[in-house]
């Protein structure tokens, strides 16, 4: 094979891999819309999320709505969830919740973000 064939083959492989959203072991999976399971996870851990929020985000909080999420499979699962906090001016946070294999969960991080910021590892 010459270099052109290898280049074309590499590009095709990259396109196919991206189109099937193959998750790299230990990496974040593809972004998905949050469903009832992720919403329940946020509601279950609401008080812990509030305690972990940055100090400048204090005040009365409205409802927490899980919008999108990514997962990372470890010895359990890390959920990276974008959450909309209702209020006069809606605010957005990224929450990392670790769920053990026995279904117990804990909040490992909270980060203030804007509405359009993509979910990344933190």
PDB file of N, CA and C in Angstrom:
ATOM      1  N   UNK A   1       0.838  -1.186   0.000  1.00  0.00           N
ATOM      2  CA  UNK A   1       0.000   0.000   0.000  1.00  0.00           C
ATOM      3  C   UNK A   1       0.882   1.249   0.000  1.00  0.00           C
ATOM      4  N   UNK A   2       0.459   2.218  -0.740  1.00  0.00           N
ATOM      5  CA  UNK A   2       1.225   3.455  -0.717  1.00  0.00           C
ATOM      6  C   UNK A   2       0.643   4.410   0.329  1.00  0.00           C
ATOM      7  N   UNK A   3       1.256   5.558   0.480  1.00  0.00           N
ATOM      8  CA  UNK A   3       0.846   6.518   1.514  1.00  0.00           C
ATOM      9  C   UNK A   3      -0.573   7.030   1.307  1.00  0.00           C
ATOM     10  N   UNK A   4      -0.980   7.218   0.059  1.00  0.00           N
ATOM     11  CA  UNK A   4      -2.321   7.714  -0.218  1.00  0.00           C
ATOM     12  C   UNK A   4      -3.374   6.714   0.254  1.00  0.00           C
ATOM     13  N   UNK A   5      -3.135   5.435  -0.013  1.00  0.00           N
ATOM     14  CA  UNK A   5      -4.061   4.402   0.447  1.00  0.00           C
ATOM     15  C   UNK A   5      -4.156   4.386   1.973  1.00  0.00           C
ATOM     16  N   UNK A   6      -3.025   4.500   2.640  1.00  0.00           N
ATOM     17  CA  UNK A   6      -3.022   4.515   4.108  1.00  0.00           C
ATOM     18  C   UNK A   6      -3.759   5.737   4.650  1.00  0.00           C
ATOM     19  N   UNK A   7      -3.574   6.884   4.013  1.00  0.00           N
ATOM     20  CA  UNK A   7      -4.265   8.092   4.446  1.00  0.00           C
ATOM     21  C   UNK A   7      -5.769   7.940   4.289  1.00  0.00           C
ATOM     22  N   UNK A   8      -6.212   7.444   3.145  1.00  0.00           N
ATOM     23  CA  UNK A   8      -7.646   7.247   2.903  1.00  0.00           C
ATOM     24  C   UNK A   8      -8.199   6.227   3.891  1.00  0.00           C
ATOM     25  N   UNK A   9      -7.500   5.153   4.119  1.00  0.00           N
ATOM     26  CA  UNK A   9      -7.934   4.130   5.066  1.00  0.00           C
ATOM     27  C   UNK A   9      -8.042   4.713   6.477  1.00  0.00           C
ATOM     28  N   UNK A  10      -7.077   5.546   6.873  1.00  0.00           N
ATOM     29  CA  UNK A  10      -7.111   6.179   8.191  1.00  0.00           C
ATOM     30  C   UNK A  10      -8.293   7.111   8.344  1.00  0.00           C
ATOM     31  N   UNK A  11      -8.587   7.888   7.310  1.00  0.00           N
ATOM     32  CA  UNK A  11      -9.733   8.809   7.362  1.00  0.00           C
ATOM     33  C   UNK A  11     -11.039   8.027   7.440  1.00  0.00           C
ATOM     34  N   UNK A  12     -11.167   6.979   6.641  1.00  0.00           N
ATOM     35  CA  UNK A  12     -12.376   6.144   6.694  1.00  0.00           C
ATOM     36  C   UNK A  12     -12.568   5.524   8.071  1.00  0.00           C
ATOM     37  N   UNK A  13     -11.509   5.033   8.653  1.00  0.00           N
ATOM     38  CA  UNK A  13     -11.582   4.443   9.987  1.00  0.00           C
ATOM     39  C   UNK A  13     -12.021   5.478  11.015  1.00  0.00           C
ATOM     40  N   UNK A  14     -11.498   6.685  10.919  1.00  0.00           N
ATOM     41  CA  UNK A  14     -11.880   7.750  11.845  1.00  0.00           C
ATOM     42  C   UNK A  14     -13.352   8.099  11.700  1.00  0.00           C
ATOM     43  N   UNK A  15     -13.839   8.195  10.478  1.00  0.00           N
ATOM     44  CA  UNK A  15     -15.250   8.522  10.239  1.00  0.00           C
ATOM     45  C   UNK A  15     -16.157   7.408  10.754  1.00  0.00           C
ATOM     46  N   UNK A  16     -15.809   6.169  10.490  1.00  0.00           N
ATOM     47  CA  UNK A  16     -16.618   5.043  10.952  1.00  0.00           C
ATOM     48  C   UNK A  16     -16.630   4.979  12.473  1.00  0.00           C
ATOM     49  N   UNK A  17     -15.484   5.157  13.098  1.00  0.00           N
ATOM     50  CA  UNK A  17     -15.407   5.127  14.555  1.00  0.00           C
ATOM     51  C   UNK A  17     -16.273   6.218  15.163  1.00  0.00           C
ATOM     52  N   UNK A  18     -16.204   7.432  14.616  1.00  0.00           N
ATOM     53  CA  UNK A  18     -16.991   8.552  15.141  1.00  0.00           C
ATOM     54  C   UNK A  18     -18.482   8.308  14.937  1.00  0.00           C
ATOM     55  N   UNK A  19     -18.864   7.726  13.811  1.00  0.00           N
ATOM     56  CA  UNK A  19     -20.284   7.530  13.520  1.00  0.00           C
ATOM     57  C   UNK A  19     -20.904   6.473  14.429  1.00  0.00           C
ATOM     58  N   UNK A  20     -20.124   5.518  14.898  1.00  0.00           N
ATOM     59  CA  UNK A  20     -20.649   4.503  15.807  1.00  0.00           C
ATOM     60  C   UNK A  20     -20.470   4.884  17.274  1.00  0.00           C
ATOM     61  N   UNK A  21     -19.836   6.027  17.537  1.00  0.00           N
ATOM     62  CA  UNK A  21     -19.631   6.526  18.909  1.00  0.00           C
ATOM     63  C   UNK A  21     -19.000   5.472  19.807  1.00  0.00           C
ATOM     64  N   UNK A  22     -17.937   4.875  19.352  1.00  0.00           N
ATOM     65  CA  UNK A  22     -17.250   3.855  20.127  1.00  0.00           C
ATOM     66  C   UNK A  22     -16.567   4.513  21.317  1.00  0.00           C
ATOM     67  N   UNK A  23     -16.819   3.977  22.506  1.00  0.00           N
ATOM     68  CA  UNK A  23     -16.242   4.548  23.712  1.00  0.00           C
ATOM     69  C   UNK A  23     -14.864   3.958  23.959  1.00  0.00           C
ATOM     70  N   UNK A  24     -13.912   4.819  24.231  1.00  0.00           N
ATOM     71  CA  UNK A  24     -12.566   4.397  24.573  1.00  0.00           C
ATOM     72  C   UNK A  24     -12.595   3.900  26.015  1.00  0.00           C
ATOM     73  N   UNK A  25     -12.016   2.744  26.315  1.00  0.00           N
ATOM     74  CA  UNK A  25     -12.032   2.248  27.690  1.00  0.00           C
ATOM     75  C   UNK A  25     -11.475   3.291  28.662  1.00  0.00           C
ATOM     76  N   UNK A  26     -12.258   3.599  29.696  1.00  0.00           N
ATOM     77  CA  UNK A  26     -11.856   4.594  30.682  1.00  0.00           C
ATOM     78  C   UNK A  26     -12.156   6.019  30.265  1.00  0.00           C
ATOM     79  N   UNK A  27     -12.567   6.239  29.017  1.00  0.00           N
ATOM     80  CA  UNK A  27     -12.877   7.586  28.534  1.00  0.00           C
ATOM     81  C   UNK A  27     -14.355   7.885  28.673  1.00  0.00           C
ATOM     82  N   UNK A  28     -14.710   9.127  28.361  1.00  0.00           N
ATOM     83  CA  UNK A  28     -16.115   9.516  28.415  1.00  0.00           C
ATOM     84  C   UNK A  28     -16.849   8.997  27.192  1.00  0.00           C
ATOM     85  N   UNK A  29     -18.065   8.521  27.397  1.00  0.00           N
ATOM     86  CA  UNK A  29     -18.896   8.058  26.299  1.00  0.00           C
ATOM     87  C   UNK A  29     -19.516   9.238  25.572  1.00  0.00           C
ATOM     88  N   UNK A  30     -20.344   8.954  24.584  1.00  0.00           N
ATOM     89  CA  UNK A  30     -20.989  10.026  23.821  1.00  0.00           C
ATOM     90  C   UNK A  30     -22.025  10.765  24.661  1.00  0.00           C
ATOM     91  N   UNK A  31     -22.264  12.018  24.308  1.00  0.00           N
ATOM     92  CA  UNK A  31     -23.271  12.809  25.016  1.00  0.00           C
ATOM     93  C   UNK A  31     -24.653  12.318  24.624  1.00  0.00           C
ATOM     94  N   UNK A  32     -25.527  12.215  25.625  1.00  0.00           N
ATOM     95  CA  UNK A  32     -26.893  11.740  25.419  1.00  0.00           C
ATOM     96  C   UNK A  32     -27.853  12.659  26.161  1.00  0.00           C
ATOM     97  N   UNK A  33     -29.120  12.643  25.751  1.00  0.00           N
ATOM     98  CA  UNK A  33     -30.132  13.387  26.484  1.00  0.00           C
ATOM     99  C   UNK A  33     -30.448  12.647  27.775  1.00  0.00           C
ATOM    100  N   UNK A  34     -30.614  13.393  28.846  1.00  0.00           N
ATOM    101  CA  UNK A  34     -30.908  12.791  30.151  1.00  0.00           C
ATOM    102  C   UNK A  34     -32.336  12.269  30.176  1.00  0.00           C
ATOM    103  N   UNK A  35     -32.502  11.159  30.833  1.00  0.00           N
ATOM    104  CA  UNK A  35     -33.818  10.541  30.976  1.00  0.00           C
ATOM    105  C   UNK A  35     -34.228  10.507  32.441  1.00  0.00           C
ATOM    106  N   UNK A  36     -35.248   9.740  32.748  1.00  0.00           N
ATOM    107  CA  UNK A  36     -35.726   9.650  34.133  1.00  0.00           C
ATOM    108  C   UNK A  36     -34.681   9.113  35.107  1.00  0.00           C
ATOM    109  N   UNK A  37     -33.810   8.217  34.650  1.00  0.00           N
ATOM    110  CA  UNK A  37     -32.781   7.656  35.530  1.00  0.00           C
ATOM    111  C   UNK A  37     -31.773   8.698  35.972  1.00  0.00           C
ATOM    112  N   UNK A  38     -31.331   9.540  35.036  1.00  0.00           N
ATOM    113  CA  UNK A  38     -30.370  10.598  35.373  1.00  0.00           C
ATOM    114  C   UNK A  38     -31.033  11.674  36.223  1.00  0.00           C
ATOM    115  N   UNK A  39     -32.302  11.984  35.918  1.00  0.00           N
ATOM    116  CA  UNK A  39     -33.037  12.970  36.722  1.00  0.00           C
ATOM    117  C   UNK A  39     -33.186  12.474  38.159  1.00  0.00           C
ATOM    118  N   UNK A  40     -33.483  11.200  38.331  1.00  0.00           N
ATOM    119  CA  UNK A  40     -33.604  10.619  39.673  1.00  0.00           C
ATOM    120  C   UNK A  40     -32.272  10.672  40.414  1.00  0.00           C
ATOM    121  N   UNK A  41     -31.183  10.446  39.705  1.00  0.00           N
ATOM    122  CA  UNK A  41     -29.843  10.509  40.303  1.00  0.00           C
ATOM    123  C   UNK A  41     -29.549  11.923  40.802  1.00  0.00           C
ATOM    124  N   UNK A  42     -29.910  12.925  40.010  1.00  0.00           N
ATOM    125  CA  UNK A  42     -29.711  14.326  40.421  1.00  0.00           C
ATOM    126  C   UNK A  42     -30.585  14.643  41.632  1.00  0.00           C
ATOM    127  N   UNK A  43     -31.851  14.247  41.595  1.00  0.00           N
ATOM    128  CA  UNK A  43     -32.757  14.534  42.716  1.00  0.00           C
ATOM    129  C   UNK A  43     -32.301  13.837  43.999  1.00  0.00           C
ATOM    130  N   UNK A  44     -31.862  12.606  43.869  1.00  0.00           N
ATOM    131  CA  UNK A  44     -31.400  11.836  45.037  1.00  0.00           C
ATOM    132  C   UNK A  44     -30.194  12.512  45.701  1.00  0.00           C
ATOM    133  N   UNK A  45     -29.335  13.145  44.903  1.00  0.00           N
ATOM    134  CA  UNK A  45     -28.104  13.757  45.402  1.00  0.00           C
ATOM    135  C   UNK A  45     -28.183  15.284  45.482  1.00  0.00           C
ATOM    136  N   UNK A  46     -29.369  15.852  45.423  1.00  0.00           N
ATOM    137  CA  UNK A  46     -29.555  17.310  45.388  1.00  0.00           C
ATOM    138  C   UNK A  46     -28.846  18.025  46.534  1.00  0.00           C
ATOM    139  N   UNK A  47     -29.025  17.563  47.754  1.00  0.00           N
ATOM    140  CA  UNK A  47     -28.397  18.237  48.908  1.00  0.00           C
ATOM    141  C   UNK A  47     -26.873  18.189  48.828  1.00  0.00           C
ATOM    142  N   UNK A  48     -26.324  17.073  48.412  1.00  0.00           N
ATOM    143  CA  UNK A  48     -24.871  16.961  48.263  1.00  0.00           C
ATOM    144  C   UNK A  48     -24.376  17.876  47.146  1.00  0.00           C
ATOM    145  N   UNK A  49     -25.145  18.009  46.068  1.00  0.00           N
ATOM    146  CA  UNK A  49     -24.781  18.916  44.976  1.00  0.00           C
ATOM    147  C   UNK A  49     -24.731  20.346  45.486  1.00  0.00           C
ATOM    148  N   UNK A  50     -25.730  20.755  46.243  1.00  0.00           N
ATOM    149  CA  UNK A  50     -25.775  22.119  46.787  1.00  0.00           C
ATOM    150  C   UNK A  50     -24.580  22.371  47.701  1.00  0.00           C
ATOM    151  N   UNK A  51     -24.217  21.399  48.530  1.00  0.00           N
ATOM    152  CA  UNK A  51     -23.061  21.565  49.419  1.00  0.00           C
ATOM    153  C   UNK A  51     -21.758  21.716  48.644  1.00  0.00           C
ATOM    154  N   UNK A  52     -21.649  21.087  47.481  1.00  0.00           N
ATOM    155  CA  UNK A  52     -20.407  21.129  46.696  1.00  0.00           C
ATOM    156  C   UNK A  52     -20.346  22.299  45.709  1.00  0.00           C
ATOM    157  N   UNK A  53     -21.403  23.092  45.612  1.00  0.00           N
ATOM    158  CA  UNK A  53     -21.415  24.210  44.666  1.00  0.00           C
ATOM    159  C   UNK A  53     -20.381  25.256  45.050  1.00  0.00           C
ATOM    160  N   UNK A  54     -19.854  25.985  44.041  1.00  0.00           N
ATOM    161  CA  UNK A  54     -18.932  27.083  44.357  1.00  0.00           C
ATOM    162  C   UNK A  54     -19.592  28.099  45.283  1.00  0.00           C
ATOM    163  N   UNK A  55     -18.805  28.754  46.126  1.00  0.00           N
ATOM    164  CA  UNK A  55     -19.349  29.650  47.145  1.00  0.00           C
ATOM    165  C   UNK A  55     -20.159  30.807  46.563  1.00  0.00           C
ATOM    166  N   UNK A  56     -19.852  31.262  45.358  1.00  0.00           N
ATOM    167  CA  UNK A  56     -20.592  32.381  44.780  1.00  0.00           C
ATOM    168  C   UNK A  56     -21.964  31.964  44.233  1.00  0.00           C
ATOM    169  N   UNK A  57     -22.293  30.691  44.279  1.00  0.00           N
ATOM    170  CA  UNK A  57     -23.593  30.213  43.782  1.00  0.00           C
ATOM    171  C   UNK A  57     -24.556  29.903  44.918  1.00  0.00           C
ATOM    172  N   UNK A  58     -24.543  30.695  45.950  1.00  0.00           N
ATOM    173  CA  UNK A  58     -25.445  30.453  47.077  1.00  0.00           C
ATOM    174  C   UNK A  58     -26.786  31.120  46.826  1.00  0.00           C
ATOM    175  N   UNK A  59     -27.781  30.673  47.551  1.00  0.00           N
ATOM    176  CA  UNK A  59     -29.093  31.296  47.441  1.00  0.00           C
ATOM    177  C   UNK A  59     -30.174  30.256  47.305  1.00  0.00           C
ATOM    178  N   UNK A  60     -31.396  30.707  47.231  1.00  0.00           N
ATOM    179  CA  UNK A  60     -32.486  29.741  47.047  1.00  0.00           C
ATOM    180  C   UNK A  60     -32.409  29.138  45.644  1.00  0.00           C
ATOM    181  N   UNK A  61     -32.594  27.844  45.571  1.00  0.00           N
ATOM    182  CA  UNK A  61     -32.504  27.142  44.291  1.00  0.00           C
ATOM    183  C   UNK A  61     -33.865  26.603  43.909  1.00  0.00           C
ATOM    184  N   UNK A  62     -34.196  26.730  42.638  1.00  0.00           N
ATOM    185  CA  UNK A  62     -35.422  26.136  42.118  1.00  0.00           C
ATOM    186  C   UNK A  62     -35.188  24.673  41.803  1.00  0.00           C
ATOM    187  N   UNK A  63     -35.948  24.176  40.870  1.00  0.00           N
ATOM    188  CA  UNK A  63     -35.818  22.766  40.498  1.00  0.00           C
ATOM    189  C   UNK A  63     -34.518  22.515  39.734  1.00  0.00           C
ATOM    190  N   UNK A  64     -34.002  21.329  39.891  1.00  0.00           N
ATOM    191  CA  UNK A  64     -32.815  20.883  39.168  1.00  0.00           C
ATOM    192  C   UNK A  64     -33.299  19.985  38.030  1.00  0.00           C
ATOM    193  N   UNK A  65     -32.950  20.332  36.800  1.00  0.00           N
ATOM    194  CA  UNK A  65     -33.375  19.553  35.637  1.00  0.00           C
ATOM    195  C   UNK A  65     -32.146  19.011  34.920  1.00  0.00           C
ATOM    196  N   UNK A  66     -32.011  17.693  34.881  1.00  0.00           N
ATOM    197  CA  UNK A  66     -30.911  17.052  34.150  1.00  0.00           C
ATOM    198  C   UNK A  66     -31.192  17.189  32.656  1.00  0.00           C
ATOM    199  N   UNK A  67     -30.221  17.758  31.902  1.00  0.00           N
ATOM    200  CA  UNK A  67     -30.411  17.990  30.473  1.00  0.00           C
ATOM    201  C   UNK A  67     -29.713  16.949  29.610  1.00  0.00           C
ATOM    202  N   UNK A  68     -28.397  16.849  29.757  1.00  0.00           N
ATOM    203  CA  UNK A  68     -27.605  15.900  28.982  1.00  0.00           C
ATOM    204  C   UNK A  68     -26.590  15.250  29.909  1.00  0.00           C
ATOM    205  N   UNK A  69     -25.981  14.169  29.439  1.00  0.00           N
ATOM    206  CA  UNK A  69     -24.982  13.496  30.278  1.00  0.00           C
ATOM    207  C   UNK A  69     -24.018  12.684  29.427  1.00  0.00           C
ATOM    208  N   UNK A  70     -22.879  12.376  30.034  1.00  0.00           N
ATOM    209  CA  UNK A  70     -21.905  11.426  29.506  1.00  0.00           C
ATOM    210  C   UNK A  70     -21.559  10.491  30.654  1.00  0.00           C
ATOM    211  N   UNK A  71     -21.117   9.298  30.317  1.00  0.00           N
ATOM    212  CA  UNK A  71     -20.711   8.356  31.361  1.00  0.00           C
ATOM    213  C   UNK A  71     -19.272   7.918  31.141  1.00  0.00           C
ATOM    214  N   UNK A  72     -18.670   7.480  32.234  1.00  0.00           N
ATOM    215  CA  UNK A  72     -17.338   6.898  32.215  1.00  0.00           C
ATOM    216  C   UNK A  72     -17.413   5.624  33.040  1.00  0.00           C
ATOM    217  N   UNK A  73     -17.104   4.507  32.416  1.00  0.00           N
ATOM    218  CA  UNK A  73     -17.151   3.234  33.126  1.00  0.00           C
ATOM    219  C   UNK A  73     -15.823   3.028  33.837  1.00  0.00           C
ATOM    220  N   UNK A  74     -15.897   2.904  35.145  1.00  0.00           N
ATOM    221  CA  UNK A  74     -14.739   2.606  35.990  1.00  0.00           C
ATOM    222  C   UNK A  74     -15.175   1.419  36.846  1.00  0.00           C
ATOM    223  N   UNK A  75     -14.735   1.331  38.068  1.00  0.00           N
ATOM    224  CA  UNK A  75     -15.254   0.270  38.944  1.00  0.00           C
ATOM    225  C   UNK A  75     -16.572   0.798  39.505  1.00  0.00           C
ATOM    226  N   UNK A  76     -17.550   0.882  38.637  1.00  0.00           N
ATOM    227  CA  UNK A  76     -18.810   1.570  38.846  1.00  0.00           C
ATOM    228  C   UNK A  76     -18.986   2.486  37.638  1.00  0.00           C
ATOM    229  N   UNK A  77     -19.712   3.583  37.788  1.00  0.00           N
ATOM    230  CA  UNK A  77     -19.922   4.516  36.682  1.00  0.00           C
ATOM    231  C   UNK A  77     -19.861   5.944  37.165  1.00  0.00           C
ATOM    232  N   UNK A  78     -19.109   6.777  36.460  1.00  0.00           N
ATOM    233  CA  UNK A  78     -19.131   8.219  36.691  1.00  0.00           C
ATOM    234  C   UNK A  78     -20.136   8.824  35.723  1.00  0.00           C
ATOM    235  N   UNK A  79     -21.089   9.569  36.261  1.00  0.00           N
ATOM    236  CA  UNK A  79     -22.050  10.295  35.436  1.00  0.00           C
ATOM    237  C   UNK A  79     -21.650  11.758  35.434  1.00  0.00           C
ATOM    238  N   UNK A  80     -21.450  12.322  34.258  1.00  0.00           N
ATOM    239  CA  UNK A  80     -21.180  13.747  34.094  1.00  0.00           C
ATOM    240  C   UNK A  80     -22.465  14.333  33.522  1.00  0.00           C
ATOM    241  N   UNK A  81     -23.190  15.102  34.336  1.00  0.00           N
ATOM    242  CA  UNK A  81     -24.537  15.549  33.972  1.00  0.00           C
ATOM    243  C   UNK A  81     -24.599  17.068  33.917  1.00  0.00           C
ATOM    244  N   UNK A  82     -25.150  17.601  32.832  1.00  0.00           N
ATOM    245  CA  UNK A  82     -25.423  19.038  32.753  1.00  0.00           C
ATOM    246  C   UNK A  82     -26.797  19.264  33.372  1.00  0.00           C
ATOM    247  N   UNK A  83     -26.854  20.186  34.360  1.00  0.00           N
ATOM    248  CA  UNK A  83     -28.080  20.442  35.111  1.00  0.00           C
ATOM    249  C   UNK A  83     -28.467  21.907  34.968  1.00  0.00           C
ATOM    250  N   UNK A  84     -29.745  22.144  34.711  1.00  0.00           N
ATOM    251  CA  UNK A  84     -30.296  23.504  34.674  1.00  0.00           C
ATOM    252  C   UNK A  84     -30.973  23.760  36.009  1.00  0.00           C
ATOM    253  N   UNK A  85     -30.581  24.869  36.660  1.00  0.00           N
ATOM    254  CA  UNK A  85     -31.175  25.243  37.939  1.00  0.00           C
ATOM    255  C   UNK A  85     -32.173  26.360  37.661  1.00  0.00           C
ATOM    256  N   UNK A  86     -33.449  26.109  37.943  1.00  0.00           N
ATOM    257  CA  UNK A  86     -34.498  27.089  37.678  1.00  0.00           C
ATOM    258  C   UNK A  86     -34.366  28.280  38.626  1.00  0.00           C
ATOM    259  N   UNK A  87     -34.793  29.422  38.160  1.00  0.00           N
ATOM    260  CA  UNK A  87     -34.761  30.644  38.952  1.00  0.00           C
ATOM    261  C   UNK A  87     -35.064  31.837  38.062  1.00  0.00           C
ATOM    262  N   UNK A  88     -34.907  33.059  38.624  1.00  0.00           N
ATOM    263  CA  UNK A  88     -35.131  34.262  37.807  1.00  0.00           C
ATOM    264  C   UNK A  88     -34.244  34.220  36.567  1.00  0.00           C
ATOM    265  N   UNK A  89     -32.980  33.897  36.785  1.00  0.00           N
ATOM    266  CA  UNK A  89     -32.036  33.666  35.687  1.00  0.00           C
ATOM    267  C   UNK A  89     -31.569  32.228  35.796  1.00  0.00           C
ATOM    268  N   UNK A  90     -31.929  31.392  34.842  1.00  0.00           N
ATOM    269  CA  UNK A  90     -31.491  29.990  34.937  1.00  0.00           C
ATOM    270  C   UNK A  90     -29.966  29.901  34.977  1.00  0.00           C
ATOM    271  N   UNK A  91     -29.480  28.985  35.792  1.00  0.00           N
ATOM    272  CA  UNK A  91     -28.038  28.731  35.885  1.00  0.00           C
ATOM    273  C   UNK A  91     -27.788  27.296  35.471  1.00  0.00           C
ATOM    274  N   UNK A  92     -26.546  27.039  35.069  1.00  0.00           N
ATOM    275  CA  UNK A  92     -26.183  25.706  34.603  1.00  0.00           C
ATOM    276  C   UNK A  92     -24.942  25.228  35.340  1.00  0.00           C
ATOM    277  N   UNK A  93     -24.943  23.944  35.672  1.00  0.00           N
ATOM    278  CA  UNK A  93     -23.790  23.330  36.318  1.00  0.00           C
ATOM    279  C   UNK A  93     -23.521  21.986  35.664  1.00  0.00           C
ATOM    280  N   UNK A  94     -22.282  21.533  35.795  1.00  0.00           N
ATOM    281  CA  UNK A  94     -21.930  20.159  35.464  1.00  0.00           C
ATOM    282  C   UNK A  94     -21.690  19.455  36.790  1.00  0.00           C
ATOM    283  N   UNK A  95     -22.257  18.290  36.930  1.00  0.00           N
ATOM    284  CA  UNK A  95     -22.156  17.510  38.163  1.00  0.00           C
ATOM    285  C   UNK A  95     -21.535  16.163  37.822  1.00  0.00           C
ATOM    286  N   UNK A  96     -20.575  15.758  38.632  1.00  0.00           N
ATOM    287  CA  UNK A  96     -20.014  14.400  38.473  1.00  0.00           C
ATOM    288  C   UNK A  96     -20.494  13.565  39.648  1.00  0.00           C
ATOM    289  N   UNK A  97     -21.250  12.528  39.334  1.00  0.00           N
ATOM    290  CA  UNK A  97     -21.788  11.624  40.354  1.00  0.00           C
ATOM    291  C   UNK A  97     -21.242  10.232  40.087  1.00  0.00           C
ATOM    292  N   UNK A  98     -20.586   9.671  41.091  1.00  0.00           N
ATOM    293  CA  UNK A  98     -20.049   8.317  40.994  1.00  0.00           C
ATOM    294  C   UNK A  98     -21.073   7.347  41.567  1.00  0.00           C
ATOM    295  N   UNK A  99     -21.425   6.332  40.784  1.00  0.00           N
ATOM    296  CA  UNK A  99     -22.346   5.293  41.238  1.00  0.00           C
ATOM    297  C   UNK A  99     -21.588   3.984  41.316  1.00  0.00           C
ATOM    298  N   UNK A 100     -21.593   3.385  42.497  1.00  0.00           N
ATOM    299  CA  UNK A 100     -20.894   2.115  42.700  1.00  0.00           C
ATOM    300  C   UNK A 100     -21.688   0.971  42.088  1.00  0.00           C
ATOM    301  N   UNK A 101     -21.063  -0.173  42.019  1.00  0.00           N
ATOM    302  CA  UNK A 101     -21.729  -1.354  41.479  1.00  0.00           C
ATOM    303  C   UNK A 101     -22.929  -1.771  42.325  1.00  0.00           C
ATOM    304  N   UNK A 102     -22.930  -1.414  43.635  1.00  0.00           N
ATOM    305  CA  UNK A 102     -24.058  -1.742  44.504  1.00  0.00           C
ATOM    306  C   UNK A 102     -25.137  -0.659  44.464  1.00  0.00           C
ATOM    307  N   UNK A 103     -25.046   0.270  43.501  1.00  0.00           N
ATOM    308  CA  UNK A 103     -26.042   1.314  43.250  1.00  0.00           C
ATOM    309  C   UNK A 103     -26.001   2.473  44.246  1.00  0.00           C
ATOM    310  N   UNK A 104     -25.017   2.545  45.111  1.00  0.00           N
ATOM    311  CA  UNK A 104     -24.863   3.698  45.999  1.00  0.00           C
ATOM    312  C   UNK A 104     -24.125   4.774  45.230  1.00  0.00           C
ATOM    313  N   UNK A 105     -24.445   6.033  45.513  1.00  0.00           N
ATOM    314  CA  UNK A 105     -23.833   7.114  44.738  1.00  0.00           C
ATOM    315  C   UNK A 105     -23.302   8.206  45.649  1.00  0.00           C
ATOM    316  N   UNK A 106     -22.371   9.013  45.076  1.00  0.00           N
ATOM    317  CA  UNK A 106     -21.827  10.164  45.788  1.00  0.00           C
ATOM    318  C   UNK A 106     -21.475  11.237  44.756  1.00  0.00           C
ATOM    319  N   UNK A 107     -21.538  12.480  45.182  1.00  0.00           N
ATOM    320  CA  UNK A 107     -21.187  13.596  44.311  1.00  0.00           C
ATOM    321  C   UNK A 107     -19.694  13.856  44.442  1.00  0.00           C
ATOM    322  N   UNK A 108     -18.976  13.768  43.316  1.00  0.00           N
ATOM    323  CA  UNK A 108     -17.528  13.972  43.330  1.00  0.00           C
ATOM    324  C   UNK A 108     -17.118  15.350  42.839  1.00  0.00           C
ATOM    325  N   UNK A 109     -18.020  16.083  42.233  1.00  0.00           N
ATOM    326  CA  UNK A 109     -17.647  17.413  41.759  1.00  0.00           C
ATOM    327  C   UNK A 109     -18.824  18.175  41.191  1.00  0.00           C
ATOM    328  N   UNK A 110     -18.746  19.502  41.313  1.00  0.00           N
ATOM    329  CA  UNK A 110     -19.743  20.410  40.746  1.00  0.00           C
ATOM    330  C   UNK A 110     -18.987  21.578  40.150  1.00  0.00           C
ATOM    331  N   UNK A 111     -19.383  21.967  38.936  1.00  0.00           N
ATOM    332  CA  UNK A 111     -18.694  23.045  38.238  1.00  0.00           C
ATOM    333  C   UNK A 111     -19.738  23.953  37.595  1.00  0.00           C
ATOM    334  N   UNK A 112     -19.593  25.256  37.804  1.00  0.00           N
ATOM    335  CA  UNK A 112     -20.482  26.231  37.169  1.00  0.00           C
ATOM    336  C   UNK A 112     -20.078  26.386  35.705  1.00  0.00           C
ATOM    337  N   UNK A 113     -21.061  26.345  34.797  1.00  0.00           N
ATOM    338  CA  UNK A 113     -20.784  26.446  33.358  1.00  0.00           C
ATOM    339  C   UNK A 113     -21.830  27.336  32.697  1.00  0.00           C
ATOM    340  N   UNK A 114     -21.589  27.660  31.417  1.00  0.00           N
ATOM    341  CA  UNK A 114     -22.628  28.359  30.670  1.00  0.00           C
ATOM    342  C   UNK A 114     -23.491  27.326  29.950  1.00  0.00           C
ATOM    343  N   UNK A 115     -24.560  27.804  29.361  1.00  0.00           N
ATOM    344  CA  UNK A 115     -25.541  26.914  28.752  1.00  0.00           C
ATOM    345  C   UNK A 115     -24.960  26.053  27.633  1.00  0.00           C
ATOM    346  N   UNK A 116     -23.992  26.575  26.911  1.00  0.00           N
ATOM    347  CA  UNK A 116     -23.491  25.882  25.723  1.00  0.00           C
ATOM    348  C   UNK A 116     -22.164  25.158  25.935  1.00  0.00           C
ATOM    349  N   UNK A 117     -21.640  25.172  27.136  1.00  0.00           N
ATOM    350  CA  UNK A 117     -20.357  24.525  27.395  1.00  0.00           C
ATOM    351  C   UNK A 117     -20.514  23.012  27.313  1.00  0.00           C
ATOM    352  N   UNK A 118     -19.662  22.346  26.529  1.00  0.00           N
ATOM    353  CA  UNK A 118     -19.779  20.892  26.415  1.00  0.00           C
ATOM    354  C   UNK A 118     -19.329  20.191  27.698  1.00  0.00           C
ATOM    355  N   UNK A 119     -19.846  19.014  27.907  1.00  0.00           N
ATOM    356  CA  UNK A 119     -19.472  18.227  29.072  1.00  0.00           C
ATOM    357  C   UNK A 119     -18.077  17.645  28.842  1.00  0.00           C
ATOM    358  N   UNK A 120     -17.170  17.938  29.755  1.00  0.00           N
ATOM    359  CA  UNK A 120     -15.805  17.428  29.695  1.00  0.00           C
ATOM    360  C   UNK A 120     -15.473  16.808  31.051  1.00  0.00           C
ATOM    361  N   UNK A 121     -14.405  16.032  31.094  1.00  0.00           N
ATOM    362  CA  UNK A 121     -13.940  15.453  32.360  1.00  0.00           C
ATOM    363  C   UNK A 121     -13.469  16.578  33.284  1.00  0.00           C
ATOM    364  N   UNK A 122     -13.839  16.509  34.543  1.00  0.00           N
ATOM    365  CA  UNK A 122     -13.344  17.464  35.548  1.00  0.00           C
ATOM    366  C   UNK A 122     -13.201  16.765  36.880  1.00  0.00           C
TER     367      UNK A 122
END
